[in-house]
Amino acid sequence: MIGFDAFHLVEELLTQPLQIIVGNVQGAFGSYKDGHELYNRAASDKKDLFIVEGASHYDLYHQPEPVSQAVKKLEAFYKENL
């Protein structure tokens, strides 16, 4: 059996500016916990963890208000870092 570790080499590879967005409604998928772990382990000096209140992982795909908040945050991040 082959295992997959999505966080393998995070400390070595994530050195560029990083924006992480998660909803604060935790589900079985684990994205809330994973977002925090990624933030804590990333080596970037310029990183931000944005938490969308009242949103789950899946709300960030198709619910207008959480998506709007995420897009606004990403727009500012891209303008500053690209």
Protein backbone atom coordinates (compact mmCIF):
# COMPACT_ATOMS: atom_id res chain seq x y z
CA MET A 1 0.00 0.00 0.00
CA ILE A 2 1.31 3.41 -0.95
CA GLY A 3 0.66 6.31 1.37
CA PHE A 4 0.27 9.94 0.33
CA ASP A 5 1.54 12.81 2.44
CA ALA A 6 0.40 16.17 1.06
CA PHE A 7 2.68 17.97 3.51
CA HIS A 8 5.89 16.21 2.58
CA LEU A 9 8.52 18.87 1.83
CA VAL A 10 6.26 21.80 2.82
CA GLU A 11 9.07 23.39 4.81
CA GLU A 12 11.44 23.19 1.84
CA LEU A 13 9.07 24.11 -0.99
CA LEU A 14 6.70 26.75 0.38
CA THR A 15 9.05 29.70 0.60
CA GLN A 16 7.13 32.07 -1.69
CA PRO A 17 4.27 34.36 -0.56
CA LEU A 18 1.38 32.18 0.56
CA GLN A 19 -2.33 32.87 1.08
CA ILE A 20 -4.35 30.11 2.75
CA ILE A 21 -8.14 30.39 2.97
CA VAL A 22 -10.35 28.09 5.05
CA GLY A 23 -13.84 28.22 6.47
CA ASN A 24 -14.24 28.05 10.24
CA VAL A 25 -16.97 25.37 10.06
CA GLN A 26 -15.09 22.13 10.50
CA GLY A 27 -16.23 19.05 8.66
CA ALA A 28 -15.05 15.49 8.19
CA PHE A 29 -12.74 16.48 5.32
CA GLY A 30 -10.12 18.06 7.61
CA SER A 31 -9.37 21.17 5.56
CA TYR A 32 -9.63 23.50 8.58
CA LYS A 33 -6.96 21.57 10.47
CA ASP A 34 -4.88 21.11 7.33
CA GLY A 35 -4.97 24.84 6.57
CA HIS A 36 -3.59 25.63 10.01
CA GLU A 37 -0.92 22.94 9.72
CA LEU A 38 0.12 24.23 6.31
CA TYR A 39 0.34 27.78 7.66
CA ASN A 40 2.44 26.69 10.64
CA ARG A 41 4.82 24.56 8.59
CA ALA A 42 5.33 26.79 5.53
CA ALA A 43 8.72 28.49 5.51
CA SER A 44 7.48 31.66 3.78
CA ASP A 45 8.19 34.92 5.57
CA LYS A 46 5.09 36.33 3.91
CA LYS A 47 2.11 34.11 4.65
CA ASP A 48 -1.46 34.69 5.71
CA LEU A 49 -4.24 32.44 6.96
CA PHE A 50 -7.68 33.90 6.20
CA ILE A 51 -10.63 32.24 7.96
CA VAL A 52 -14.08 32.78 6.47
CA GLU A 53 -16.55 32.85 9.34
CA GLY A 54 -19.61 30.63 8.98
CA ALA A 55 -18.27 28.75 5.95
CA SER A 56 -17.35 25.11 5.47
CA HIS A 57 -14.80 23.79 2.99
CA TYR A 58 -17.55 23.15 0.44
CA ASP A 59 -19.19 26.57 0.97
CA LEU A 60 -15.98 28.07 -0.40
CA TYR A 61 -16.77 26.39 -3.73
CA HIS A 62 -20.30 27.57 -4.45
CA GLN A 63 -21.91 29.78 -1.80
CA PRO A 64 -21.90 33.40 -3.02
CA GLU A 65 -20.94 35.17 0.23
CA PRO A 66 -18.01 32.93 1.30
CA VAL A 67 -16.72 32.79 -2.29
CA SER A 68 -16.92 36.59 -2.52
CA GLN A 69 -14.87 36.99 0.65
CA ALA A 70 -12.26 34.54 -0.60
CA VAL A 71 -12.04 36.20 -4.02
CA LYS A 72 -11.59 39.65 -2.45
CA LYS A 73 -8.79 38.32 -0.26
CA LEU A 74 -7.10 36.59 -3.20
CA GLU A 75 -7.45 39.68 -5.40
CA ALA A 76 -5.52 41.78 -2.87
CA PHE A 77 -2.94 39.02 -2.41
CA TYR A 78 -2.33 38.68 -6.17
CA LYS A 79 -2.10 42.44 -6.69
CA GLU A 80 0.54 42.65 -4.00
CA ASN A 81 2.54 39.54 -4.92
CA LEU A 82 2.35 38.99 -8.68
